[in-house]
Amino acid sequence: MLVLNRQRKHTIDRPEIRRFLKTLMKALDISDREFSVVFTTDAGIREYNQRYRGFDKPTDVLSFRGENEYLGDILISSETAYNQARRSPTLSFETNLHRLMLHGLLHLMGYDHETDNGEMRAIERTFRRKFRC
């Protein structure tokens, strides 16, 4: 797994992120798969959201599935994640990043909450409880 920080506004604890991802990968039974997580700005993720989804606005997380053994790439806006955590009575910035990485990984594994009749939401709820995110 590759963890890249392409923003400077919010501190990203890369060793902690890698520890969480390793634990999550084991729980999802994908320890042998490769993927990347890229932390970016609202402007950066807005550009991808416009180009690939047709939405001219920032979002919290985008996932791009890979090919063959490479699962793909997860982009997370640290700005949006931070602002979501600030408005939440229960989420910290770190916990929200965990939640977004889980969500992104489920998409890379082929789940799609927009089309799967609640399957992804149920799996995500189970793992959010397990990992308290």
N, C-alpha and C. Protein backbone atom coordinates (compact mmCIF):
# COMPACT_ATOMS: atom_id res chain seq x y z
N MET A 1 0.84 -1.17 0.00
CA MET A 1 0.00 0.00 0.00
C MET A 1 0.88 1.23 0.00
N LEU A 2 0.41 2.23 -0.69
CA LEU A 2 1.14 3.49 -0.80
C LEU A 2 0.26 4.58 -0.19
N VAL A 3 0.83 5.38 0.71
CA VAL A 3 0.10 6.50 1.33
C VAL A 3 0.85 7.77 0.96
N LEU A 4 0.17 8.66 0.24
CA LEU A 4 0.76 9.91 -0.20
C LEU A 4 0.01 11.10 0.38
N ASN A 5 0.74 12.09 0.82
CA ASN A 5 0.14 13.31 1.33
C ASN A 5 0.44 14.44 0.35
N ARG A 6 -0.56 14.87 -0.40
CA ARG A 6 -0.38 15.92 -1.41
C ARG A 6 -1.03 17.23 -0.97
N GLN A 7 -1.11 17.44 0.33
CA GLN A 7 -1.67 18.67 0.88
C GLN A 7 -0.86 19.03 2.12
N ARG A 8 -0.96 20.24 2.55
CA ARG A 8 -0.19 20.69 3.72
C ARG A 8 -1.05 21.36 4.78
N LYS A 9 -2.36 21.42 4.57
CA LYS A 9 -3.22 22.15 5.48
C LYS A 9 -3.46 21.40 6.80
N HIS A 10 -3.57 20.08 6.72
CA HIS A 10 -3.87 19.28 7.91
C HIS A 10 -2.84 18.17 8.05
N THR A 11 -2.39 17.96 9.27
CA THR A 11 -1.36 16.96 9.54
C THR A 11 -1.92 15.55 9.33
N ILE A 12 -1.20 14.77 8.57
CA ILE A 12 -1.56 13.38 8.31
C ILE A 12 -0.50 12.52 8.98
N ASP A 13 -0.91 11.69 9.93
CA ASP A 13 0.01 10.79 10.63
C ASP A 13 0.15 9.52 9.80
N ARG A 14 1.10 9.55 8.86
CA ARG A 14 1.24 8.43 7.91
C ARG A 14 1.52 7.10 8.59
N PRO A 15 2.38 7.02 9.63
CA PRO A 15 2.58 5.72 10.29
C PRO A 15 1.27 5.18 10.90
N GLU A 16 0.48 6.06 11.50
CA GLU A 16 -0.80 5.62 12.09
C GLU A 16 -1.76 5.18 10.99
N ILE A 17 -1.80 5.92 9.89
CA ILE A 17 -2.67 5.58 8.76
C ILE A 17 -2.28 4.20 8.23
N ARG A 18 -0.99 3.95 8.07
CA ARG A 18 -0.52 2.65 7.57
C ARG A 18 -0.90 1.53 8.53
N ARG A 19 -0.77 1.77 9.85
CA ARG A 19 -1.16 0.74 10.84
C ARG A 19 -2.65 0.43 10.71
N PHE A 20 -3.46 1.48 10.63
CA PHE A 20 -4.90 1.26 10.49
C PHE A 20 -5.21 0.49 9.22
N LEU A 21 -4.61 0.89 8.11
CA LEU A 21 -4.88 0.23 6.84
C LEU A 21 -4.47 -1.24 6.87
N LYS A 22 -3.35 -1.55 7.50
CA LYS A 22 -2.92 -2.96 7.59
C LYS A 22 -3.94 -3.77 8.38
N THR A 23 -4.44 -3.22 9.48
CA THR A 23 -5.45 -3.91 10.28
C THR A 23 -6.74 -4.07 9.48
N LEU A 24 -7.14 -3.02 8.78
CA LEU A 24 -8.35 -3.07 7.97
C LEU A 24 -8.21 -4.07 6.83
N MET A 25 -7.06 -4.08 6.17
CA MET A 25 -6.83 -5.02 5.07
C MET A 25 -6.95 -6.46 5.55
N LYS A 26 -6.40 -6.73 6.72
CA LYS A 26 -6.50 -8.08 7.27
C LYS A 26 -7.96 -8.44 7.53
N ALA A 27 -8.72 -7.52 8.11
CA ALA A 27 -10.13 -7.76 8.42
C ALA A 27 -10.95 -7.96 7.15
N LEU A 28 -10.58 -7.26 6.07
CA LEU A 28 -11.29 -7.38 4.80
C LEU A 28 -10.75 -8.53 3.93
N ASP A 29 -9.73 -9.21 4.43
CA ASP A 29 -9.10 -10.33 3.73
C ASP A 29 -8.51 -9.89 2.39
N ILE A 30 -7.82 -8.75 2.40
CA ILE A 30 -7.17 -8.26 1.19
C ILE A 30 -5.70 -7.90 1.48
N SER A 31 -5.09 -8.58 2.43
CA SER A 31 -3.72 -8.26 2.83
C SER A 31 -2.72 -8.38 1.70
N ASP A 32 -3.03 -9.19 0.70
CA ASP A 32 -2.10 -9.41 -0.40
C ASP A 32 -2.31 -8.46 -1.58
N ARG A 33 -3.22 -7.51 -1.44
CA ARG A 33 -3.56 -6.60 -2.55
C ARG A 33 -2.88 -5.26 -2.37
N GLU A 34 -2.59 -4.60 -3.48
CA GLU A 34 -1.95 -3.29 -3.47
C GLU A 34 -2.95 -2.21 -3.86
N PHE A 35 -2.80 -1.03 -3.27
CA PHE A 35 -3.62 0.13 -3.58
C PHE A 35 -2.91 1.35 -3.04
N SER A 36 -3.42 2.53 -3.37
CA SER A 36 -2.85 3.76 -2.84
C SER A 36 -3.94 4.60 -2.20
N VAL A 37 -3.53 5.38 -1.21
CA VAL A 37 -4.38 6.39 -0.59
C VAL A 37 -3.65 7.71 -0.74
N VAL A 38 -4.33 8.68 -1.34
CA VAL A 38 -3.74 9.99 -1.58
C VAL A 38 -4.58 11.04 -0.86
N PHE A 39 -3.94 11.80 0.02
CA PHE A 39 -4.61 12.90 0.70
C PHE A 39 -4.35 14.16 -0.11
N THR A 40 -5.43 14.87 -0.42
CA THR A 40 -5.34 16.03 -1.30
C THR A 40 -6.16 17.18 -0.73
N THR A 41 -6.22 18.26 -1.49
CA THR A 41 -6.98 19.44 -1.09
C THR A 41 -8.39 19.38 -1.68
N ASP A 42 -9.24 20.29 -1.24
CA ASP A 42 -10.58 20.39 -1.85
C ASP A 42 -10.45 20.72 -3.34
N ALA A 43 -9.52 21.61 -3.69
CA ALA A 43 -9.35 21.98 -5.10
C ALA A 43 -8.91 20.77 -5.92
N GLY A 44 -8.02 19.96 -5.37
CA GLY A 44 -7.54 18.78 -6.07
C GLY A 44 -8.63 17.76 -6.30
N ILE A 45 -9.40 17.47 -5.26
CA ILE A 45 -10.44 16.45 -5.40
C ILE A 45 -11.60 16.98 -6.25
N ARG A 46 -11.81 18.28 -6.20
CA ARG A 46 -12.87 18.88 -7.04
C ARG A 46 -12.57 18.65 -8.52
N GLU A 47 -11.32 18.79 -8.88
CA GLU A 47 -10.91 18.58 -10.27
C GLU A 47 -11.21 17.14 -10.71
N TYR A 48 -10.87 16.17 -9.87
CA TYR A 48 -11.16 14.76 -10.19
C TYR A 48 -12.66 14.49 -10.21
N ASN A 49 -13.37 15.08 -9.27
CA ASN A 49 -14.82 14.89 -9.21
C ASN A 49 -15.48 15.43 -10.48
N GLN A 50 -15.00 16.57 -10.96
CA GLN A 50 -15.54 17.16 -12.19
C GLN A 50 -15.19 16.29 -13.39
N ARG A 51 -13.94 15.92 -13.49
CA ARG A 51 -13.46 15.18 -14.65
C ARG A 51 -14.10 13.79 -14.77
N TYR A 52 -14.22 13.07 -13.66
CA TYR A 52 -14.64 11.67 -13.72
C TYR A 52 -16.09 11.41 -13.33
N ARG A 53 -16.71 12.36 -12.61
CA ARG A 53 -18.09 12.14 -12.18
C ARG A 53 -19.03 13.23 -12.67
N GLY A 54 -18.48 14.32 -13.20
CA GLY A 54 -19.31 15.40 -13.70
C GLY A 54 -19.87 16.32 -12.64
N PHE A 55 -19.32 16.26 -11.41
CA PHE A 55 -19.77 17.13 -10.32
C PHE A 55 -18.70 18.17 -10.05
N ASP A 56 -19.03 19.44 -10.26
CA ASP A 56 -18.07 20.52 -10.08
C ASP A 56 -18.08 21.02 -8.64
N LYS A 57 -17.66 20.13 -7.75
CA LYS A 57 -17.59 20.47 -6.32
C LYS A 57 -16.65 19.49 -5.63
N PRO A 58 -16.09 19.90 -4.51
CA PRO A 58 -15.26 18.95 -3.77
C PRO A 58 -16.13 17.88 -3.11
N THR A 59 -15.52 16.78 -2.80
CA THR A 59 -16.18 15.69 -2.09
C THR A 59 -15.19 15.14 -1.08
N ASP A 60 -15.63 14.24 -0.23
CA ASP A 60 -14.71 13.73 0.79
C ASP A 60 -13.79 12.63 0.29
N VAL A 61 -14.33 11.69 -0.51
CA VAL A 61 -13.53 10.55 -0.96
C VAL A 61 -13.94 10.14 -2.36
N LEU A 62 -12.96 9.79 -3.17
CA LEU A 62 -13.19 9.21 -4.49
C LEU A 62 -12.36 7.94 -4.59
N SER A 63 -12.90 6.95 -5.27
CA SER A 63 -12.18 5.69 -5.47
C SER A 63 -12.11 5.39 -6.96
N PHE A 64 -10.96 4.94 -7.39
CA PHE A 64 -10.75 4.56 -8.78
C PHE A 64 -10.21 3.14 -8.81
N ARG A 65 -11.04 2.21 -9.29
CA ARG A 65 -10.65 0.81 -9.30
C ARG A 65 -9.50 0.57 -10.26
N GLY A 66 -8.62 -0.33 -9.85
CA GLY A 66 -7.48 -0.69 -10.66
C GLY A 66 -7.78 -1.90 -11.52
N GLU A 67 -6.74 -2.49 -12.04
CA GLU A 67 -6.87 -3.67 -12.89
C GLU A 67 -6.04 -4.80 -12.31
N ASN A 68 -6.46 -6.02 -12.63
CA ASN A 68 -5.77 -7.23 -12.21
C ASN A 68 -5.60 -7.25 -10.69
N GLU A 69 -4.39 -7.39 -10.22
CA GLU A 69 -4.16 -7.49 -8.77
C GLU A 69 -4.11 -6.13 -8.07
N TYR A 70 -3.99 -5.06 -8.83
CA TYR A 70 -3.95 -3.72 -8.22
C TYR A 70 -5.37 -3.25 -7.95
N LEU A 71 -5.71 -3.06 -6.67
CA LEU A 71 -7.07 -2.67 -6.30
C LEU A 71 -7.45 -1.29 -6.84
N GLY A 72 -6.53 -0.32 -6.77
CA GLY A 72 -6.85 1.01 -7.27
C GLY A 72 -6.36 2.10 -6.36
N ASP A 73 -6.99 3.28 -6.51
CA ASP A 73 -6.55 4.48 -5.81
C ASP A 73 -7.72 5.11 -5.06
N ILE A 74 -7.43 5.56 -3.85
CA ILE A 74 -8.42 6.28 -3.04
C ILE A 74 -7.89 7.69 -2.86
N LEU A 75 -8.70 8.69 -3.19
CA LEU A 75 -8.36 10.09 -2.96
C LEU A 75 -9.25 10.61 -1.85
N ILE A 76 -8.65 11.26 -0.88
CA ILE A 76 -9.39 11.82 0.24
C ILE A 76 -9.03 13.30 0.38
N SER A 77 -10.06 14.15 0.43
CA SER A 77 -9.82 15.56 0.70
C SER A 77 -9.67 15.75 2.21
N SER A 78 -8.48 16.10 2.63
CA SER A 78 -8.26 16.33 4.06
C SER A 78 -9.06 17.53 4.55
N GLU A 79 -9.26 18.52 3.67
CA GLU A 79 -10.04 19.70 4.06
C GLU A 79 -11.49 19.32 4.37
N THR A 80 -12.11 18.57 3.46
CA THR A 80 -13.50 18.16 3.67
C THR A 80 -13.59 17.23 4.88
N ALA A 81 -12.65 16.30 5.01
CA ALA A 81 -12.66 15.37 6.15
C ALA A 81 -12.53 16.14 7.47
N TYR A 82 -11.67 17.13 7.49
CA TYR A 82 -11.48 17.94 8.70
C TYR A 82 -12.76 18.70 9.04
N ASN A 83 -13.36 19.32 8.03
CA ASN A 83 -14.59 20.09 8.27
C ASN A 83 -15.75 19.20 8.70
N GLN A 84 -15.85 18.00 8.15
CA GLN A 84 -16.89 17.06 8.59
C GLN A 84 -16.68 16.71 10.07
N ALA A 85 -15.45 16.46 10.45
CA ALA A 85 -15.15 16.11 11.85
C ALA A 85 -15.46 17.28 12.78
N ARG A 86 -15.14 18.49 12.36
CA ARG A 86 -15.43 19.68 13.18
C ARG A 86 -16.91 19.83 13.46
N ARG A 87 -17.74 19.48 12.47
CA ARG A 87 -19.20 19.62 12.62
C ARG A 87 -19.83 18.44 13.35
N SER A 88 -19.11 17.35 13.51
CA SER A 88 -19.67 16.14 14.10
C SER A 88 -19.44 16.11 15.61
N PRO A 89 -20.46 15.69 16.35
CA PRO A 89 -20.26 15.55 17.80
C PRO A 89 -19.50 14.27 18.16
N THR A 90 -19.31 13.37 17.21
CA THR A 90 -18.70 12.06 17.52
C THR A 90 -17.41 11.77 16.76
N LEU A 91 -17.15 12.42 15.64
CA LEU A 91 -15.99 12.10 14.82
C LEU A 91 -14.82 13.03 15.10
N SER A 92 -13.63 12.44 15.25
CA SER A 92 -12.40 13.23 15.23
C SER A 92 -11.89 13.22 13.79
N PHE A 93 -10.92 14.04 13.51
CA PHE A 93 -10.34 14.06 12.18
C PHE A 93 -9.78 12.67 11.84
N GLU A 94 -9.02 12.09 12.75
CA GLU A 94 -8.43 10.76 12.54
C GLU A 94 -9.50 9.70 12.31
N THR A 95 -10.54 9.72 13.12
CA THR A 95 -11.62 8.74 12.98
C THR A 95 -12.33 8.91 11.65
N ASN A 96 -12.52 10.15 11.23
CA ASN A 96 -13.17 10.39 9.95
C ASN A 96 -12.29 9.88 8.80
N LEU A 97 -10.98 10.09 8.89
CA LEU A 97 -10.09 9.55 7.86
C LEU A 97 -10.22 8.03 7.79
N HIS A 98 -10.32 7.36 8.94
CA HIS A 98 -10.50 5.91 8.97
C HIS A 98 -11.80 5.52 8.26
N ARG A 99 -12.86 6.24 8.58
CA ARG A 99 -14.17 5.98 7.97
C ARG A 99 -14.10 6.13 6.45
N LEU A 100 -13.43 7.17 5.99
CA LEU A 100 -13.33 7.42 4.55
C LEU A 100 -12.45 6.38 3.85
N MET A 101 -11.38 5.94 4.51
CA MET A 101 -10.54 4.90 3.92
C MET A 101 -11.31 3.58 3.81
N LEU A 102 -12.09 3.25 4.84
CA LEU A 102 -12.93 2.05 4.78
C LEU A 102 -13.90 2.16 3.61
N HIS A 103 -14.56 3.27 3.49
CA HIS A 103 -15.53 3.49 2.41
C HIS A 103 -14.84 3.33 1.05
N GLY A 104 -13.70 3.97 0.90
CA GLY A 104 -12.97 3.89 -0.36
C GLY A 104 -12.52 2.47 -0.68
N LEU A 105 -12.03 1.75 0.32
CA LEU A 105 -11.58 0.37 0.10
C LEU A 105 -12.74 -0.53 -0.32
N LEU A 106 -13.90 -0.34 0.28
CA LEU A 106 -15.06 -1.15 -0.11
C LEU A 106 -15.40 -0.90 -1.59
N HIS A 107 -15.30 0.35 -2.02
CA HIS A 107 -15.52 0.64 -3.44
C HIS A 107 -14.48 -0.06 -4.31
N LEU A 108 -13.22 -0.02 -3.89
CA LEU A 108 -12.18 -0.70 -4.66
C LEU A 108 -12.42 -2.20 -4.76
N MET A 109 -13.08 -2.75 -3.74
CA MET A 109 -13.38 -4.18 -3.74
C MET A 109 -14.60 -4.51 -4.59
N GLY A 110 -15.25 -3.48 -5.14
CA GLY A 110 -16.36 -3.72 -6.05
C GLY A 110 -17.72 -3.40 -5.50
N TYR A 111 -17.81 -2.96 -4.27
CA TYR A 111 -19.10 -2.60 -3.69
C TYR A 111 -19.52 -1.22 -4.19
N ASP A 112 -20.82 -1.03 -4.35
CA ASP A 112 -21.33 0.27 -4.81
C ASP A 112 -22.66 0.56 -4.13
N HIS A 113 -22.65 1.46 -3.16
CA HIS A 113 -23.84 1.77 -2.38
C HIS A 113 -24.95 2.39 -3.22
N GLU A 114 -24.62 2.88 -4.41
CA GLU A 114 -25.65 3.47 -5.26
C GLU A 114 -26.46 2.43 -6.02
N THR A 115 -25.95 1.19 -6.10
CA THR A 115 -26.62 0.19 -6.93
C THR A 115 -26.83 -1.17 -6.26
N ASP A 116 -26.35 -1.38 -5.03
CA ASP A 116 -26.34 -2.74 -4.48
C ASP A 116 -27.41 -3.04 -3.42
N ASN A 117 -28.47 -2.26 -3.38
CA ASN A 117 -29.59 -2.52 -2.46
C ASN A 117 -29.16 -2.61 -1.00
N GLY A 118 -28.19 -1.81 -0.59
CA GLY A 118 -27.82 -1.72 0.81
C GLY A 118 -26.72 -2.67 1.26
N GLU A 119 -26.18 -3.50 0.37
CA GLU A 119 -25.14 -4.44 0.77
C GLU A 119 -23.89 -3.72 1.29
N MET A 120 -23.42 -2.72 0.55
CA MET A 120 -22.22 -2.00 0.98
C MET A 120 -22.47 -1.28 2.30
N ARG A 121 -23.62 -0.66 2.43
CA ARG A 121 -23.94 0.07 3.68
C ARG A 121 -23.91 -0.87 4.88
N ALA A 122 -24.44 -2.07 4.72
CA ALA A 122 -24.46 -3.05 5.83
C ALA A 122 -23.04 -3.47 6.20
N ILE A 123 -22.23 -3.76 5.20
CA ILE A 123 -20.84 -4.16 5.46
C ILE A 123 -20.08 -3.00 6.10
N GLU A 124 -20.29 -1.81 5.57
CA GLU A 124 -19.60 -0.64 6.11
C GLU A 124 -20.00 -0.38 7.56
N ARG A 125 -21.28 -0.52 7.87
CA ARG A 125 -21.73 -0.34 9.26
C ARG A 125 -21.05 -1.33 10.20
N THR A 126 -20.96 -2.58 9.76
CA THR A 126 -20.31 -3.61 10.58
C THR A 126 -18.86 -3.24 10.89
N PHE A 127 -18.13 -2.83 9.86
CA PHE A 127 -16.72 -2.49 10.06
C PHE A 127 -16.54 -1.15 10.78
N ARG A 128 -17.46 -0.23 10.59
CA ARG A 128 -17.38 1.03 11.34
C ARG A 128 -17.55 0.78 12.83
N ARG A 129 -18.44 -0.13 13.17
CA ARG A 129 -18.60 -0.49 14.60
C ARG A 129 -17.34 -1.17 15.11
N LYS A 130 -16.82 -2.12 14.32
CA LYS A 130 -15.63 -2.86 14.74
C LYS A 130 -14.44 -1.94 14.97
N PHE A 131 -14.25 -0.99 14.08
CA PHE A 131 -13.10 -0.10 14.16
C PHE A 131 -13.42 1.26 14.77
N ARG A 132 -14.64 1.40 15.28
CA ARG A 132 -15.08 2.62 15.96
C ARG A 132 -14.82 3.87 15.11
N CYS A 133 -15.29 3.77 13.88
CA CYS A 133 -15.15 4.94 13.00
C CYS A 133 -16.48 5.16 12.30
